[in-house]
């Protein structure tokens, strides 16, 4: 699974696909993938 973060409000969403709209701030196309999955 990938982790995505809203560039506007910081909302974190886990999933396979990048969200189109933030459920917190309603910003369109504001998500970027972040590398928070650390395995080891």
PDB file of N, CA and C in Angstrom:
ATOM      1  N   UNK A   1       0.824  -1.196   0.000  1.00  0.00           N
ATOM      2  CA  UNK A   1       0.000   0.000   0.000  1.00  0.00           C
ATOM      3  C   UNK A   1       0.859   1.247   0.000  1.00  0.00           C
ATOM      4  N   UNK A   2       0.362   2.264  -0.649  1.00  0.00           N
ATOM      5  CA  UNK A   2       1.061   3.538  -0.700  1.00  0.00           C
ATOM      6  C   UNK A   2       0.432   4.489   0.316  1.00  0.00           C
ATOM      7  N   UNK A   3       1.202   5.497   0.694  1.00  0.00           N
ATOM      8  CA  UNK A   3       0.717   6.514   1.618  1.00  0.00           C
ATOM      9  C   UNK A   3       0.739   7.848   0.884  1.00  0.00           C
ATOM     10  N   UNK A   4      -0.385   8.555   0.944  1.00  0.00           N
ATOM     11  CA  UNK A   4      -0.515   9.840   0.277  1.00  0.00           C
ATOM     12  C   UNK A   4      -0.835  10.920   1.297  1.00  0.00           C
ATOM     13  N   UNK A   5      -0.282  12.120   1.071  1.00  0.00           N
ATOM     14  CA  UNK A   5      -0.481  13.239   1.991  1.00  0.00           C
ATOM     15  C   UNK A   5      -0.960  14.454   1.210  1.00  0.00           C
ATOM     16  N   UNK A   6      -1.984  15.118   1.747  1.00  0.00           N
ATOM     17  CA  UNK A   6      -2.493  16.336   1.119  1.00  0.00           C
ATOM     18  C   UNK A   6      -1.491  17.463   1.328  1.00  0.00           C
ATOM     19  N   UNK A   7      -1.131  18.144   0.242  1.00  0.00           N
ATOM     20  CA  UNK A   7      -0.160  19.229   0.327  1.00  0.00           C
ATOM     21  C   UNK A   7      -0.732  20.465   1.017  1.00  0.00           C
ATOM     22  N   UNK A   8      -2.054  20.587   1.035  1.00  0.00           N
ATOM     23  CA  UNK A   8      -2.682  21.771   1.621  1.00  0.00           C
ATOM     24  C   UNK A   8      -2.893  21.635   3.128  1.00  0.00           C
ATOM     25  N   UNK A   9      -3.521  20.514   3.567  1.00  0.00           N
ATOM     26  CA  UNK A   9      -3.878  20.405   4.987  1.00  0.00           C
ATOM     27  C   UNK A   9      -3.115  19.325   5.744  1.00  0.00           C
ATOM     28  N   UNK A  10      -2.414  18.434   5.028  1.00  0.00           N
ATOM     29  CA  UNK A  10      -1.631  17.405   5.699  1.00  0.00           C
ATOM     30  C   UNK A  10      -2.368  16.108   5.972  1.00  0.00           C
ATOM     31  N   UNK A  11      -3.578  15.965   5.461  1.00  0.00           N
ATOM     32  CA  UNK A  11      -4.365  14.742   5.644  1.00  0.00           C
ATOM     33  C   UNK A  11      -3.628  13.550   5.050  1.00  0.00           C
ATOM     34  N   UNK A  12      -3.588  12.440   5.784  1.00  0.00           N
ATOM     35  CA  UNK A  12      -2.898  11.230   5.347  1.00  0.00           C
ATOM     36  C   UNK A  12      -3.919  10.188   4.924  1.00  0.00           C
ATOM     37  N   UNK A  13      -3.689   9.580   3.756  1.00  0.00           N
ATOM     38  CA  UNK A  13      -4.580   8.545   3.224  1.00  0.00           C
ATOM     39  C   UNK A  13      -3.739   7.381   2.729  1.00  0.00           C
ATOM     40  N   UNK A  14      -4.080   6.178   3.161  1.00  0.00           N
ATOM     41  CA  UNK A  14      -3.411   4.978   2.673  1.00  0.00           C
ATOM     42  C   UNK A  14      -4.285   4.314   1.625  1.00  0.00           C
ATOM     43  N   UNK A  15      -3.654   3.808   0.573  1.00  0.00           N
ATOM     44  CA  UNK A  15      -4.407   3.122  -0.460  1.00  0.00           C
ATOM     45  C   UNK A  15      -3.531   2.806  -1.651  1.00  0.00           C
ATOM     46  N   UNK A  16      -4.129   2.175  -2.645  1.00  0.00           N
ATOM     47  CA  UNK A  16      -3.371   1.821  -3.843  1.00  0.00           C
ATOM     48  C   UNK A  16      -3.358   2.949  -4.863  1.00  0.00           C
ATOM     49  N   UNK A  17      -4.406   3.777  -4.844  1.00  0.00           N
ATOM     50  CA  UNK A  17      -4.528   4.850  -5.824  1.00  0.00           C
ATOM     51  C   UNK A  17      -4.513   6.218  -5.142  1.00  0.00           C
ATOM     52  N   UNK A  18      -3.952   7.194  -5.836  1.00  0.00           N
ATOM     53  CA  UNK A  18      -3.917   8.557  -5.311  1.00  0.00           C
ATOM     54  C   UNK A  18      -5.327   9.141  -5.315  1.00  0.00           C
ATOM     55  N   UNK A  19      -5.774   9.691  -4.181  1.00  0.00           N
ATOM     56  CA  UNK A  19      -7.110  10.287  -4.131  1.00  0.00           C
ATOM     57  C   UNK A  19      -7.220  11.508  -5.039  1.00  0.00           C
ATOM     58  N   UNK A  20      -8.407  11.718  -5.612  1.00  0.00           N
ATOM     59  CA  UNK A  20      -8.631  12.866  -6.483  1.00  0.00           C
ATOM     60  C   UNK A  20      -9.002  14.117  -5.694  1.00  0.00           C
ATOM     61  N   UNK A  21      -9.614  13.908  -4.518  1.00  0.00           N
ATOM     62  CA  UNK A  21     -10.085  15.034  -3.710  1.00  0.00           C
ATOM     63  C   UNK A  21      -9.858  14.734  -2.241  1.00  0.00           C
ATOM     64  N   UNK A  22      -9.399  15.714  -1.506  1.00  0.00           N
ATOM     65  CA  UNK A  22      -9.159  15.538  -0.074  1.00  0.00           C
ATOM     66  C   UNK A  22     -10.479  15.601   0.691  1.00  0.00           C
ATOM     67  N   UNK A  23     -10.757  14.602   1.551  1.00  0.00           N
ATOM     68  CA  UNK A  23     -11.996  14.616   2.323  1.00  0.00           C
ATOM     69  C   UNK A  23     -12.003  15.656   3.449  1.00  0.00           C
ATOM     70  N   UNK A  24     -10.843  16.175   3.812  1.00  0.00           N
ATOM     71  CA  UNK A  24     -10.757  17.161   4.888  1.00  0.00           C
ATOM     72  C   UNK A  24     -10.931  18.594   4.394  1.00  0.00           C
ATOM     73  N   UNK A  25     -10.172  18.965   3.363  1.00  0.00           N
ATOM     74  CA  UNK A  25     -10.187  20.359   2.908  1.00  0.00           C
ATOM     75  C   UNK A  25     -10.814  20.531   1.522  1.00  0.00           C
ATOM     76  N   UNK A  26     -11.227  19.422   0.889  1.00  0.00           N
ATOM     77  CA  UNK A  26     -11.870  19.432  -0.432  1.00  0.00           C
ATOM     78  C   UNK A  26     -10.999  19.959  -1.559  1.00  0.00           C
ATOM     79  N   UNK A  27      -9.687  19.966  -1.360  1.00  0.00           N
ATOM     80  CA  UNK A  27      -8.761  20.411  -2.404  1.00  0.00           C
ATOM     81  C   UNK A  27      -8.661  19.336  -3.487  1.00  0.00           C
ATOM     82  N   UNK A  28      -8.730  19.738  -4.735  1.00  0.00           N
ATOM     83  CA  UNK A  28      -8.631  18.816  -5.868  1.00  0.00           C
ATOM     84  C   UNK A  28      -7.161  18.559  -6.202  1.00  0.00           C
ATOM     85  N   UNK A  29      -6.816  17.309  -6.477  1.00  0.00           N
ATOM     86  CA  UNK A  29      -5.470  16.919  -6.939  1.00  0.00           C
ATOM     87  C   UNK A  29      -4.348  17.480  -6.070  1.00  0.00           C
ATOM     88  N   UNK A  30      -4.508  17.389  -4.751  1.00  0.00           N
ATOM     89  CA  UNK A  30      -3.509  17.969  -3.853  1.00  0.00           C
ATOM     90  C   UNK A  30      -2.648  16.919  -3.166  1.00  0.00           C
ATOM     91  N   UNK A  31      -2.814  15.645  -3.532  1.00  0.00           N
ATOM     92  CA  UNK A  31      -2.074  14.589  -2.843  1.00  0.00           C
ATOM     93  C   UNK A  31      -0.738  14.281  -3.495  1.00  0.00           C
ATOM     94  N   UNK A  32       0.252  14.006  -2.643  1.00  0.00           N
ATOM     95  CA  UNK A  32       1.553  13.531  -3.107  1.00  0.00           C
ATOM     96  C   UNK A  32       1.882  12.269  -2.331  1.00  0.00           C
ATOM     97  N   UNK A  33       2.619  11.387  -2.975  1.00  0.00           N
ATOM     98  CA  UNK A  33       3.000  10.134  -2.322  1.00  0.00           C
ATOM     99  C   UNK A  33       4.134  10.408  -1.341  1.00  0.00           C
ATOM    100  N   UNK A  34       4.020   9.849  -0.157  1.00  0.00           N
ATOM    101  CA  UNK A  34       5.076   9.970   0.845  1.00  0.00           C
ATOM    102  C   UNK A  34       5.593   8.588   1.184  1.00  0.00           C
ATOM    103  N   UNK A  35       6.857   8.494   1.507  1.00  0.00           N
ATOM    104  CA  UNK A  35       7.491   7.212   1.769  1.00  0.00           C
ATOM    105  C   UNK A  35       7.564   6.979   3.274  1.00  0.00           C
ATOM    106  N   UNK A  36       6.444   6.596   3.869  1.00  0.00           N
ATOM    107  CA  UNK A  36       6.440   6.385   5.313  1.00  0.00           C
ATOM    108  C   UNK A  36       6.434   4.905   5.677  1.00  0.00           C
ATOM    109  N   UNK A  37       6.451   4.041   4.682  1.00  0.00           N
ATOM    110  CA  UNK A  37       6.483   2.607   4.959  1.00  0.00           C
ATOM    111  C   UNK A  37       7.932   2.148   5.102  1.00  0.00           C
ATOM    112  N   UNK A  38       8.300   1.813   6.322  1.00  0.00           N
ATOM    113  CA  UNK A  38       9.647   1.340   6.604  1.00  0.00           C
ATOM    114  C   UNK A  38       9.575  -0.126   6.994  1.00  0.00           C
ATOM    115  N   UNK A  39      10.209  -0.952   6.226  1.00  0.00           N
ATOM    116  CA  UNK A  39      10.194  -2.386   6.534  1.00  0.00           C
ATOM    117  C   UNK A  39      11.609  -2.841   6.894  1.00  0.00           C
ATOM    118  N   UNK A  40      11.694  -3.679   7.911  1.00  0.00           N
ATOM    119  CA  UNK A  40      13.021  -4.144   8.248  1.00  0.00           C
ATOM    120  C   UNK A  40      13.161  -4.670   9.595  1.00  0.00           C
TER     121      UNK A  40
END
